[in-house]
Amino acid sequence: METITQADLARFQGTENHYQHWLQRFNYTDGVKYLADTAQAYWLIDAIASYQLDARVQTDEMLQHFQTWQLSVQENSGILTLLRDTNDPVLTQEIPYTDFPLAEIKLFLNEKVLMLPSEY
């Protein structure tokens, strides 16, 4: 796994390509693809995709249009949180082990496109 920094991710402004997730629940941007490739984090995209059929997401009109996903990592374990707004958690998933290289990452799912905040 290569080293990745927040500065590496911040260089992504917009996207030239959209990549369809294999579950076909959304597309993702160049920045998210770079993150997944560099940090070996396709599991993170899969986790987000897996929650798109969750009743809490399906029945919330706001979440049908916009979601904030936050992964926080400490001592090789993580917490993945879906936020309706910056301080309104909808669900969390404990991740017992991860070698994800950043202490925190946020991703936005806007109108079925998963992106880095700098791409929003």
C-alpha atoms as a PDB file:
ATOM      1  CA  MET A   1       0.000   0.000   0.000  1.00  0.00           C
ATOM      2  CA  GLU A   2       1.275   3.438  -0.942  1.00  0.00           C
ATOM      3  CA  THR A   3       1.307   6.356   1.458  1.00  0.00           C
ATOM      4  CA  ILE A   4      -1.571   8.772   0.998  1.00  0.00           C
ATOM      5  CA  THR A   5      -2.190  12.147   2.611  1.00  0.00           C
ATOM      6  CA  GLN A   6      -5.086  14.577   2.851  1.00  0.00           C
ATOM      7  CA  ALA A   7      -3.036  16.884   0.590  1.00  0.00           C
ATOM      8  CA  ASP A   8      -2.960  14.150  -2.072  1.00  0.00           C
ATOM      9  CA  LEU A   9      -6.751  13.991  -1.965  1.00  0.00           C
ATOM     10  CA  ALA A  10      -7.250  17.761  -1.918  1.00  0.00           C
ATOM     11  CA  ARG A  11      -5.721  18.055  -5.388  1.00  0.00           C
ATOM     12  CA  PHE A  12      -8.851  16.456  -6.866  1.00  0.00           C
ATOM     13  CA  GLN A  13     -11.194  19.217  -7.991  1.00  0.00           C
ATOM     14  CA  GLY A  14     -14.150  17.855  -9.894  1.00  0.00           C
ATOM     15  CA  THR A  15     -13.799  14.710 -11.976  1.00  0.00           C
ATOM     16  CA  GLU A  16     -13.342  13.685 -15.574  1.00  0.00           C
ATOM     17  CA  ASN A  17     -14.715  10.175 -15.134  1.00  0.00           C
ATOM     18  CA  HIS A  18     -17.451   8.343 -13.293  1.00  0.00           C
ATOM     19  CA  TYR A  19     -16.880   4.703 -12.380  1.00  0.00           C
ATOM     20  CA  GLN A  20     -19.876   2.504 -11.702  1.00  0.00           C
ATOM     21  CA  HIS A  21     -19.762   0.514  -8.485  1.00  0.00           C
ATOM     22  CA  TRP A  22     -20.168  -3.187  -9.162  1.00  0.00           C
ATOM     23  CA  LEU A  23     -23.439  -3.283  -7.163  1.00  0.00           C
ATOM     24  CA  GLN A  24     -24.688  -0.484  -9.454  1.00  0.00           C
ATOM     25  CA  ARG A  25     -25.993   1.581  -6.525  1.00  0.00           C
ATOM     26  CA  PHE A  26     -23.918   4.651  -7.422  1.00  0.00           C
ATOM     27  CA  ASN A  27     -20.963   5.932  -9.424  1.00  0.00           C
ATOM     28  CA  TYR A  28     -17.740   7.303  -7.985  1.00  0.00           C
ATOM     29  CA  THR A  29     -15.214   9.914  -9.078  1.00  0.00           C
ATOM     30  CA  ASP A  30     -11.543   9.982 -10.021  1.00  0.00           C
ATOM     31  CA  GLY A  31     -10.631  11.064  -6.494  1.00  0.00           C
ATOM     32  CA  VAL A  32     -12.490   8.175  -4.873  1.00  0.00           C
ATOM     33  CA  LYS A  33     -10.909   5.758  -7.346  1.00  0.00           C
ATOM     34  CA  TYR A  34      -7.466   7.169  -6.481  1.00  0.00           C
ATOM     35  CA  LEU A  35      -8.233   6.739  -2.764  1.00  0.00           C
ATOM     36  CA  ALA A  36      -9.442   3.164  -3.258  1.00  0.00           C
ATOM     37  CA  ASP A  37      -6.479   2.223  -5.474  1.00  0.00           C
ATOM     38  CA  THR A  38      -3.781   3.905  -3.392  1.00  0.00           C
ATOM     39  CA  ALA A  39      -5.093   2.979   0.058  1.00  0.00           C
ATOM     40  CA  GLN A  40      -6.445  -0.423  -1.036  1.00  0.00           C
ATOM     41  CA  ALA A  41      -9.835   0.748   0.209  1.00  0.00           C
ATOM     42  CA  TYR A  42     -12.380  -0.677  -2.195  1.00  0.00           C
ATOM     43  CA  TRP A  43     -13.854  -2.247   0.944  1.00  0.00           C
ATOM     44  CA  LEU A  44     -14.865   1.271   2.031  1.00  0.00           C
ATOM     45  CA  ILE A  45     -16.783   1.890  -1.197  1.00  0.00           C
ATOM     46  CA  ASP A  46     -18.396  -1.548  -0.837  1.00  0.00           C
ATOM     47  CA  ALA A  47     -19.454  -0.758   2.740  1.00  0.00           C
ATOM     48  CA  ILE A  48     -21.100   2.484   1.636  1.00  0.00           C
ATOM     49  CA  ALA A  49     -22.832   0.691  -1.240  1.00  0.00           C
ATOM     50  CA  SER A  50     -24.105  -2.030   1.091  1.00  0.00           C
ATOM     51  CA  TYR A  51     -26.000   0.526   3.182  1.00  0.00           C
ATOM     52  CA  GLN A  52     -27.893   2.036   0.256  1.00  0.00           C
ATOM     53  CA  LEU A  53     -30.674  -0.544   0.671  1.00  0.00           C
ATOM     54  CA  ASP A  54     -30.867  -0.056   4.451  1.00  0.00           C
ATOM     55  CA  ALA A  55     -34.347   1.068   5.552  1.00  0.00           C
ATOM     56  CA  ARG A  56     -32.875   4.077   7.361  1.00  0.00           C
ATOM     57  CA  VAL A  57     -31.496   5.314   4.041  1.00  0.00           C
ATOM     58  CA  GLN A  58     -34.406   4.225   1.864  1.00  0.00           C
ATOM     59  CA  THR A  59     -37.038   5.984   3.967  1.00  0.00           C
ATOM     60  CA  ASP A  60     -35.176   9.271   4.462  1.00  0.00           C
ATOM     61  CA  GLU A  61     -35.769  11.640   1.562  1.00  0.00           C
ATOM     62  CA  MET A  62     -32.763  13.794   2.451  1.00  0.00           C
ATOM     63  CA  LEU A  63     -30.447  10.754   2.406  1.00  0.00           C
ATOM     64  CA  GLN A  64     -31.767   9.782  -1.006  1.00  0.00           C
ATOM     65  CA  HIS A  65     -30.119  12.957  -2.333  1.00  0.00           C
ATOM     66  CA  PHE A  66     -27.121  13.614  -0.094  1.00  0.00           C
ATOM     67  CA  GLN A  67     -25.099  11.587   2.422  1.00  0.00           C
ATOM     68  CA  THR A  68     -21.920  12.319   4.350  1.00  0.00           C
ATOM     69  CA  TRP A  69     -19.791   9.280   5.195  1.00  0.00           C
ATOM     70  CA  GLN A  70     -16.994   9.538   7.729  1.00  0.00           C
ATOM     71  CA  LEU A  71     -14.392   6.928   8.555  1.00  0.00           C
ATOM     72  CA  SER A  72     -12.415   7.525  11.748  1.00  0.00           C
ATOM     73  CA  VAL A  73      -9.430   5.267  12.434  1.00  0.00           C
ATOM     74  CA  GLN A  74      -7.540   4.859  15.674  1.00  0.00           C
ATOM     75  CA  GLU A  75      -5.059   2.103  16.544  1.00  0.00           C
ATOM     76  CA  ASN A  76      -6.008  -0.049  13.524  1.00  0.00           C
ATOM     77  CA  SER A  77      -9.750  -0.064  14.202  1.00  0.00           C
ATOM     78  CA  GLY A  78     -12.349   2.196  12.731  1.00  0.00           C
ATOM     79  CA  ILE A  79     -15.837   3.585  12.929  1.00  0.00           C
ATOM     80  CA  LEU A  80     -17.772   4.228   9.727  1.00  0.00           C
ATOM     81  CA  THR A  81     -20.595   6.726  10.215  1.00  0.00           C
ATOM     82  CA  LEU A  82     -23.363   7.920   7.933  1.00  0.00           C
ATOM     83  CA  LEU A  83     -24.319  11.500   8.758  1.00  0.00           C
ATOM     84  CA  ARG A  84     -27.493  13.201   7.592  1.00  0.00           C
ATOM     85  CA  ASP A  85     -25.881  16.539   8.357  1.00  0.00           C
ATOM     86  CA  THR A  86     -22.566  17.399   9.964  1.00  0.00           C
ATOM     87  CA  ASN A  87     -23.737  16.432  13.463  1.00  0.00           C
ATOM     88  CA  ASP A  88     -26.672  14.091  12.789  1.00  0.00           C
ATOM     89  CA  PRO A  89     -25.491  10.448  12.691  1.00  0.00           C
ATOM     90  CA  VAL A  90     -27.888   7.955  11.143  1.00  0.00           C
ATOM     91  CA  LEU A  91     -25.867   4.762  11.521  1.00  0.00           C
ATOM     92  CA  THR A  92     -22.437   3.546  12.522  1.00  0.00           C
ATOM     93  CA  GLN A  93     -20.432   0.424  11.816  1.00  0.00           C
ATOM     94  CA  GLU A  94     -17.510  -0.684  13.924  1.00  0.00           C
ATOM     95  CA  ILE A  95     -14.558  -1.970  11.930  1.00  0.00           C
ATOM     96  CA  PRO A  96     -12.478  -4.210  14.213  1.00  0.00           C
ATOM     97  CA  TYR A  97      -9.345  -4.030  12.062  1.00  0.00           C
ATOM     98  CA  THR A  98      -8.206  -1.773   9.262  1.00  0.00           C
ATOM     99  CA  ASP A  99      -4.876  -0.687   7.876  1.00  0.00           C
ATOM    100  CA  PHE A 100      -6.451   2.403   6.301  1.00  0.00           C
ATOM    101  CA  PRO A 101      -3.618   4.974   6.258  1.00  0.00           C
ATOM    102  CA  LEU A 102      -5.525   8.114   7.279  1.00  0.00           C
ATOM    103  CA  ALA A 103      -6.924   8.934  10.715  1.00  0.00           C
ATOM    104  CA  GLU A 104     -10.092  10.292   9.107  1.00  0.00           C
ATOM    105  CA  ILE A 105     -11.735  10.577   5.723  1.00  0.00           C
ATOM    106  CA  LYS A 106     -15.049  12.059   4.660  1.00  0.00           C
ATOM    107  CA  LEU A 107     -16.859  11.177   1.471  1.00  0.00           C
ATOM    108  CA  PHE A 108     -20.029  12.687   0.039  1.00  0.00           C
ATOM    109  CA  LEU A 109     -22.674  10.718  -1.831  1.00  0.00           C
ATOM    110  CA  ASN A 110     -24.500  13.375  -3.830  1.00  0.00           C
ATOM    111  CA  GLU A 111     -27.221  12.382  -6.281  1.00  0.00           C
ATOM    112  CA  LYS A 112     -25.781   8.853  -6.575  1.00  0.00           C
ATOM    113  CA  VAL A 113     -22.158   9.980  -7.102  1.00  0.00           C
ATOM    114  CA  LEU A 114     -19.603   9.210  -4.378  1.00  0.00           C
ATOM    115  CA  MET A 115     -16.915  11.909  -4.187  1.00  0.00           C
ATOM    116  CA  LEU A 116     -14.235  13.521  -2.086  1.00  0.00           C
ATOM    117  CA  PRO A 117     -15.229  16.792  -0.406  1.00  0.00           C
ATOM    118  CA  SER A 118     -12.834  18.673  -2.718  1.00  0.00           C
ATOM    119  CA  GLU A 119     -14.749  17.285  -5.719  1.00  0.00           C
ATOM    120  CA  TYR A 120     -18.116  18.539  -4.445  1.00  0.00           C
END
